[in-house]
Amino acid sequence: MLPILFIALLIDLVLGEPPIYIHPVVLTGKISEELIKPFAGYLYGLFLWIISVIPVQLLFLSPLLIPSYGVFIILKIILLSFILKTTFSIKMLYSIVNKSKLLDNKSRSLVQQIVRRDLSKADKGHIASAAIESLFESLVDGITSPLFWFLLLGLFGALLQRLANTMDSMVGYKTKELYREGYFSAKVDTILNYLPARLTALFMLISGFFLHFDVKKGINALKESKIESPNAKYPISIAAGILGIKLEKIGYYSVGEGNLPDCKDIENSLKLFKMTLSLYIIFISIIYYSLYGLAFLSYPYGIIKFI
């Protein structure tokens, strides 16, 4: 399993995102987009999730059927590594936030790529806030959570989390039109990200300690947070406290003390992001290797397979 993880990380950091026409997230999004029916009920929401996720899941898990001997094992590892890479995106997320740190004319459109809110009239502070919020919320949704489920359930778990998160993005909004239809998608996403969000928050605090940030403020910001999302509140609130800034989504929440972030705060957030992710990947590698050693390094099925 570890070779598959490390090759996938290398693909991401060197090559970036694959073409959209072979991306499982894009495929699931297109299927659901065609089938969304505003004001549909709970049962239709369940049907929508199943028809949008399961076929894509089966399609991209098919390389698991390739024999694990001879030259086939090399082909199998390469294909599975590529598919695992589609479940997370480090380079693209980091690049967008890094390029936006100057808070110049391009920053608004760059950050708009990774947030749902309208930034057309946002000032520099709220653009920077949106960038940092998305950086750490996406750290969970788009990186640490799929890697967590890869550790437990292998490629099946990583794909399940990522496609479930896609469905939440498509229909999980709490609007009158989509509330019932998106209820199932939102709940599945919340469940799958519950443990990864809290584990990531722990590694953020550890990273903050190593980087000499104010860890105590991070804990206090989390305790006082009024962010509604039970998962997003962890990385966003801790980031605000550790960095000593206020992160604000106007009309929804304001967390942390101090001023809205500036260029320097975005730089510090990227340092925290890199340290957190590095420690997290080391943690996953140690856990898997300590349990199963070299004998299981090439198996993409996760810990649960062997319990």
Protein backbone atom coordinates (compact mmCIF):
# COMPACT_ATOMS: atom_id res chain seq x y z
CA MET A 1 0.00 0.00 0.00
CA LEU A 2 2.73 2.49 0.86
CA PRO A 3 4.33 2.41 -2.62
CA ILE A 4 0.92 3.27 -4.07
CA LEU A 5 0.55 6.18 -1.63
CA PHE A 6 4.04 7.55 -2.30
CA ILE A 7 3.72 7.22 -6.08
CA ALA A 8 0.34 8.97 -5.92
CA LEU A 9 1.90 11.80 -3.90
CA LEU A 10 4.71 12.07 -6.43
CA ILE A 11 2.23 12.22 -9.32
CA ASP A 12 0.35 15.02 -7.57
CA LEU A 13 3.40 17.10 -6.69
CA VAL A 14 5.09 16.70 -10.09
CA LEU A 15 2.26 16.41 -12.61
CA GLY A 16 -0.69 17.95 -10.81
CA GLU A 17 -4.26 17.24 -11.88
CA PRO A 18 -5.12 14.63 -14.53
CA PRO A 19 -7.33 15.52 -17.55
CA ILE A 20 -10.90 16.14 -16.46
CA TYR A 21 -12.32 13.54 -18.86
CA ILE A 22 -10.69 10.73 -16.84
CA HIS A 23 -11.27 12.21 -13.40
CA PRO A 24 -13.75 10.31 -11.17
CA VAL A 25 -14.76 13.47 -9.32
CA VAL A 26 -15.65 15.20 -12.57
CA LEU A 27 -17.59 12.16 -13.78
CA THR A 28 -19.62 11.93 -10.58
CA GLY A 29 -20.29 15.66 -10.74
CA LYS A 30 -21.55 15.42 -14.33
CA ILE A 31 -23.87 12.50 -13.57
CA SER A 32 -25.41 14.23 -10.57
CA GLU A 33 -25.69 17.53 -12.40
CA GLU A 34 -27.84 15.90 -15.08
CA LEU A 35 -30.12 14.25 -12.52
CA ILE A 36 -30.62 17.00 -9.93
CA LYS A 37 -34.29 17.88 -9.46
CA PRO A 38 -35.01 20.84 -7.17
CA PHE A 39 -37.60 20.13 -4.48
CA ALA A 40 -37.14 16.35 -4.87
CA GLY A 41 -37.56 14.21 -1.76
CA TYR A 42 -35.27 12.24 0.53
CA LEU A 43 -35.63 8.99 -1.44
CA TYR A 44 -34.67 10.70 -4.66
CA GLY A 45 -31.62 12.09 -2.88
CA LEU A 46 -30.61 8.54 -1.95
CA PHE A 47 -31.15 7.40 -5.53
CA LEU A 48 -29.14 10.36 -6.85
CA TRP A 49 -26.22 9.52 -4.56
CA ILE A 50 -26.21 5.83 -5.51
CA ILE A 51 -26.45 6.38 -9.26
CA SER A 52 -23.80 9.11 -9.20
CA VAL A 53 -21.27 7.36 -6.95
CA ILE A 54 -21.51 3.57 -7.25
CA PRO A 55 -20.95 3.18 -11.04
CA VAL A 56 -17.96 5.51 -10.92
CA GLN A 57 -16.63 3.69 -7.87
CA LEU A 58 -16.86 0.32 -9.62
CA LEU A 59 -15.26 1.66 -12.79
CA PHE A 60 -12.21 3.08 -11.04
CA LEU A 61 -11.82 0.09 -8.74
CA SER A 62 -11.63 -2.30 -11.69
CA PRO A 63 -7.76 -2.25 -11.77
CA LEU A 64 -7.90 -4.17 -8.48
CA LEU A 65 -8.82 -7.19 -10.62
CA ILE A 66 -5.44 -7.11 -12.39
CA PRO A 67 -3.29 -10.09 -11.28
CA SER A 68 -0.66 -9.34 -8.63
CA TYR A 69 2.27 -11.20 -10.14
CA GLY A 70 4.97 -10.70 -12.75
CA VAL A 71 4.77 -7.62 -14.94
CA PHE A 72 1.10 -7.21 -14.02
CA ILE A 73 1.96 -6.02 -10.51
CA ILE A 74 3.88 -3.05 -11.93
CA LEU A 75 0.96 -2.07 -14.15
CA LYS A 76 -1.44 -2.55 -11.24
CA ILE A 77 0.53 -0.34 -8.87
CA ILE A 78 0.86 2.44 -11.48
CA LEU A 79 -2.86 2.43 -12.27
CA LEU A 80 -3.90 2.30 -8.62
CA SER A 81 -1.45 5.09 -7.77
CA PHE A 82 -2.93 7.27 -10.50
CA ILE A 83 -6.47 6.58 -9.29
CA LEU A 84 -5.53 7.30 -5.67
CA LYS A 85 -4.03 10.61 -6.79
CA THR A 86 -7.45 11.67 -8.13
CA THR A 87 -8.84 11.50 -4.59
CA PHE A 88 -6.64 14.33 -3.30
CA SER A 89 -5.12 17.54 -4.62
CA ILE A 90 -2.16 19.08 -2.85
CA LYS A 91 -0.30 20.91 -5.60
CA MET A 92 -3.31 22.71 -7.08
CA LEU A 93 -4.67 23.86 -3.70
CA TYR A 94 -1.26 25.04 -2.49
CA SER A 95 -0.53 26.78 -5.78
CA ILE A 96 -3.80 28.72 -5.84
CA VAL A 97 -3.40 29.98 -2.27
CA ASN A 98 0.30 30.71 -2.76
CA LYS A 99 -0.36 32.76 -5.91
CA SER A 100 -3.10 34.69 -4.15
CA LYS A 101 -0.91 35.79 -1.23
CA LEU A 102 0.05 39.05 -2.93
CA LEU A 103 -3.61 40.09 -2.73
CA ASP A 104 -3.34 41.81 -6.10
CA ASN A 105 -5.86 42.03 -8.95
CA LYS A 106 -5.51 38.31 -9.77
CA SER A 107 -6.06 37.14 -6.21
CA ARG A 108 -9.83 37.58 -6.28
CA SER A 109 -10.33 35.30 -9.29
CA LEU A 110 -7.79 32.77 -7.98
CA VAL A 111 -9.47 32.38 -4.60
CA GLN A 112 -12.90 32.30 -6.24
CA GLN A 113 -11.85 28.96 -7.79
CA ILE A 114 -11.76 27.28 -4.37
CA VAL A 115 -14.68 28.92 -2.51
CA ARG A 116 -18.43 28.95 -2.99
CA ARG A 117 -19.08 32.46 -1.72
CA ASP A 118 -19.17 35.42 -4.10
CA LEU A 119 -15.92 37.40 -3.83
CA SER A 120 -16.73 39.97 -6.53
CA LYS A 121 -17.14 42.75 -3.95
CA ALA A 122 -14.92 41.38 -1.17
CA ASP A 123 -12.10 43.49 0.22
CA LYS A 124 -8.52 42.21 0.53
CA GLY A 125 -8.99 41.03 4.09
CA HIS A 126 -12.01 38.89 3.24
CA ILE A 127 -10.30 37.51 0.13
CA ALA A 128 -7.35 36.48 2.30
CA SER A 129 -9.76 35.04 4.86
CA ALA A 130 -11.55 32.99 2.21
CA ALA A 131 -8.21 31.66 0.94
CA ILE A 132 -7.07 30.54 4.39
CA GLU A 133 -10.45 29.08 5.34
CA SER A 134 -10.58 27.07 2.12
CA LEU A 135 -6.96 25.99 2.48
CA PHE A 136 -7.64 24.25 5.79
CA GLU A 137 -11.18 23.06 5.07
CA SER A 138 -9.88 21.52 1.83
CA LEU A 139 -6.94 20.06 3.74
CA VAL A 140 -9.51 17.82 5.42
CA ASP A 141 -12.07 17.30 2.65
CA GLY A 142 -9.61 16.94 -0.18
CA ILE A 143 -6.44 15.49 1.35
CA THR A 144 -6.30 14.11 4.89
CA SER A 145 -9.77 12.54 4.81
CA PRO A 146 -9.28 10.47 1.64
CA LEU A 147 -5.84 9.45 2.91
CA PHE A 148 -7.40 8.43 6.25
CA TRP A 149 -9.92 6.21 4.48
CA PHE A 150 -7.20 4.85 2.23
CA LEU A 151 -5.41 3.73 5.37
CA LEU A 152 -8.54 1.95 6.67
CA LEU A 153 -10.29 0.71 3.53
CA GLY A 154 -7.73 1.11 0.78
CA LEU A 155 -8.62 2.59 -2.59
CA PHE A 156 -12.31 1.84 -2.01
CA GLY A 157 -12.31 4.07 1.07
CA ALA A 158 -10.41 6.93 -0.56
CA LEU A 159 -12.70 6.97 -3.60
CA LEU A 160 -15.82 6.67 -1.46
CA GLN A 161 -14.85 9.69 0.63
CA ARG A 162 -13.90 11.83 -2.36
CA LEU A 163 -17.01 11.04 -4.37
CA ALA A 164 -19.22 11.51 -1.30
CA ASN A 165 -17.64 14.91 -0.79
CA THR A 166 -18.35 15.74 -4.43
CA MET A 167 -22.01 14.87 -3.93
CA ASP A 168 -22.14 17.12 -0.88
CA SER A 169 -20.76 19.94 -3.04
CA MET A 170 -23.39 19.27 -5.70
CA VAL A 171 -26.56 18.96 -3.59
CA GLY A 172 -25.60 19.29 0.06
CA TYR A 173 -26.50 22.95 0.37
CA LYS A 174 -29.06 23.88 3.01
CA THR A 175 -31.41 25.58 0.56
CA LYS A 176 -35.15 25.19 0.24
CA GLU A 177 -34.75 23.73 -3.24
CA LEU A 178 -32.15 21.09 -2.36
CA TYR A 179 -32.60 20.44 1.36
CA ARG A 180 -34.41 17.08 1.12
CA GLU A 181 -32.59 15.93 -2.00
CA GLY A 182 -29.21 16.79 -0.53
CA TYR A 183 -29.86 15.49 2.98
CA PHE A 184 -28.34 12.04 2.42
CA SER A 185 -25.29 13.41 0.60
CA ALA A 186 -24.64 15.94 3.36
CA LYS A 187 -24.95 13.33 6.12
CA VAL A 188 -22.63 10.83 4.42
CA ASP A 189 -20.04 13.54 3.91
CA THR A 190 -20.31 14.63 7.55
CA ILE A 191 -19.84 11.06 8.79
CA LEU A 192 -16.86 10.32 6.56
CA ASN A 193 -15.07 13.53 7.52
CA TYR A 194 -15.86 13.37 11.24
CA LEU A 195 -12.71 11.58 12.44
CA PRO A 196 -10.31 13.01 9.81
CA ALA A 197 -11.34 16.58 10.72
CA ARG A 198 -10.49 16.05 14.36
CA LEU A 199 -7.30 14.14 13.62
CA THR A 200 -6.18 16.89 11.27
CA ALA A 201 -6.95 19.48 13.94
CA LEU A 202 -4.66 17.61 16.33
CA PHE A 203 -1.83 17.64 13.82
CA MET A 204 -2.43 21.34 13.21
CA LEU A 205 -1.90 21.98 16.92
CA ILE A 206 1.27 19.86 16.95
CA SER A 207 2.51 21.69 13.85
CA GLY A 208 1.70 25.03 15.44
CA PHE A 209 3.88 24.07 18.40
CA PHE A 210 6.82 23.19 16.15
CA LEU A 211 6.38 26.44 14.21
CA HIS A 212 6.24 28.48 17.44
CA PHE A 213 2.68 29.66 16.84
CA ASP A 214 0.20 30.20 19.68
CA VAL A 215 -1.33 26.74 20.16
CA LYS A 216 -3.35 27.82 23.20
CA LYS A 217 -5.16 30.43 21.12
CA GLY A 218 -5.96 27.73 18.59
CA ILE A 219 -7.65 25.62 21.26
CA ASN A 220 -9.53 28.62 22.64
CA ALA A 221 -10.72 29.65 19.17
CA LEU A 222 -12.13 26.16 18.65
CA LYS A 223 -13.94 26.23 22.00
CA GLU A 224 -15.52 29.59 21.20
CA SER A 225 -16.27 28.87 17.55
CA LYS A 226 -19.81 29.39 16.29
CA ILE A 227 -19.18 27.79 12.90
CA GLU A 228 -22.19 25.60 12.14
CA SER A 229 -20.40 22.82 10.27
CA PRO A 230 -19.38 20.12 12.79
CA ASN A 231 -16.26 19.27 10.77
CA ALA A 232 -15.16 22.51 9.07
CA LYS A 233 -15.16 24.31 12.44
CA TYR A 234 -12.12 22.32 13.57
CA PRO A 235 -9.49 23.25 10.96
CA ILE A 236 -10.84 26.75 10.35
CA SER A 237 -11.14 27.73 14.02
CA ILE A 238 -7.76 26.29 14.98
CA ALA A 239 -6.12 28.03 12.02
CA ALA A 240 -7.61 31.36 13.11
CA GLY A 241 -6.41 30.95 16.69
CA ILE A 242 -2.94 29.62 15.89
CA LEU A 243 -2.29 32.35 13.32
CA GLY A 244 -3.69 35.06 15.61
CA ILE A 245 -6.18 36.36 13.04
CA LYS A 246 -9.90 36.70 12.45
CA LEU A 247 -11.44 34.51 9.77
CA GLU A 248 -14.85 35.66 8.66
CA LYS A 249 -17.58 34.62 6.26
CA ILE A 250 -19.90 37.60 6.31
CA GLY A 251 -23.39 36.69 7.46
CA TYR A 252 -22.34 33.25 8.68
CA TYR A 253 -19.48 33.30 11.18
CA SER A 254 -16.47 35.13 12.53
CA VAL A 255 -13.84 33.17 14.44
CA GLY A 256 -10.59 34.17 16.09
CA GLU A 257 -9.29 37.45 17.47
CA GLY A 258 -7.39 40.25 15.81
CA ASN A 259 -7.57 41.65 12.31
CA LEU A 260 -8.52 40.02 9.06
CA PRO A 261 -5.50 38.29 7.46
CA ASP A 262 -2.99 39.93 5.15
CA CYS A 263 -0.19 38.69 2.87
CA LYS A 264 2.02 37.61 5.76
CA ASP A 265 -0.79 35.62 7.32
CA ILE A 266 -1.33 33.70 4.09
CA GLU A 267 2.38 32.84 4.09
CA ASN A 268 2.11 31.59 7.67
CA SER A 269 -0.98 29.56 6.80
CA LEU A 270 0.95 27.83 4.02
CA LYS A 271 3.74 26.98 6.49
CA LEU A 272 1.16 25.49 8.85
CA PHE A 273 -0.43 23.60 5.96
CA LYS A 274 2.88 22.06 4.86
CA MET A 275 3.93 21.05 8.37
CA THR A 276 0.52 19.56 9.19
CA LEU A 277 0.37 17.53 5.99
CA SER A 278 3.96 16.30 6.35
CA LEU A 279 3.38 15.06 9.90
CA TYR A 280 0.08 13.49 8.89
CA ILE A 281 1.64 11.50 6.02
CA ILE A 282 4.47 10.35 8.29
CA PHE A 283 1.87 9.24 10.84
CA ILE A 284 -0.10 7.22 8.29
CA SER A 285 3.07 5.58 6.98
CA ILE A 286 4.27 4.60 10.46
CA ILE A 287 0.88 3.19 11.46
CA TYR A 288 0.57 0.98 8.41
CA TYR A 289 4.18 -0.18 8.43
CA SER A 290 4.19 -0.91 12.17
CA LEU A 291 1.10 -3.11 11.82
CA TYR A 292 1.98 -5.01 8.70
CA GLY A 293 5.60 -4.38 7.77
CA LEU A 294 7.05 -5.13 4.38
CA ALA A 295 4.73 -8.07 3.72
CA PHE A 296 1.76 -5.83 2.95
CA LEU A 297 3.39 -2.78 1.37
CA SER A 298 2.00 -3.52 -2.08
CA TYR A 299 -1.58 -4.21 -1.06
CA PRO A 300 -4.09 -1.42 -1.78
CA TYR A 301 -6.89 -2.82 0.39
CA GLY A 302 -6.38 -1.00 3.69
CA ILE A 303 -6.06 -2.10 7.30
CA ILE A 304 -9.63 -3.40 7.59
CA LYS A 305 -8.86 -6.05 4.96
CA PHE A 306 -6.49 -7.75 7.38
CA ILE A 307 -8.39 -7.43 10.67
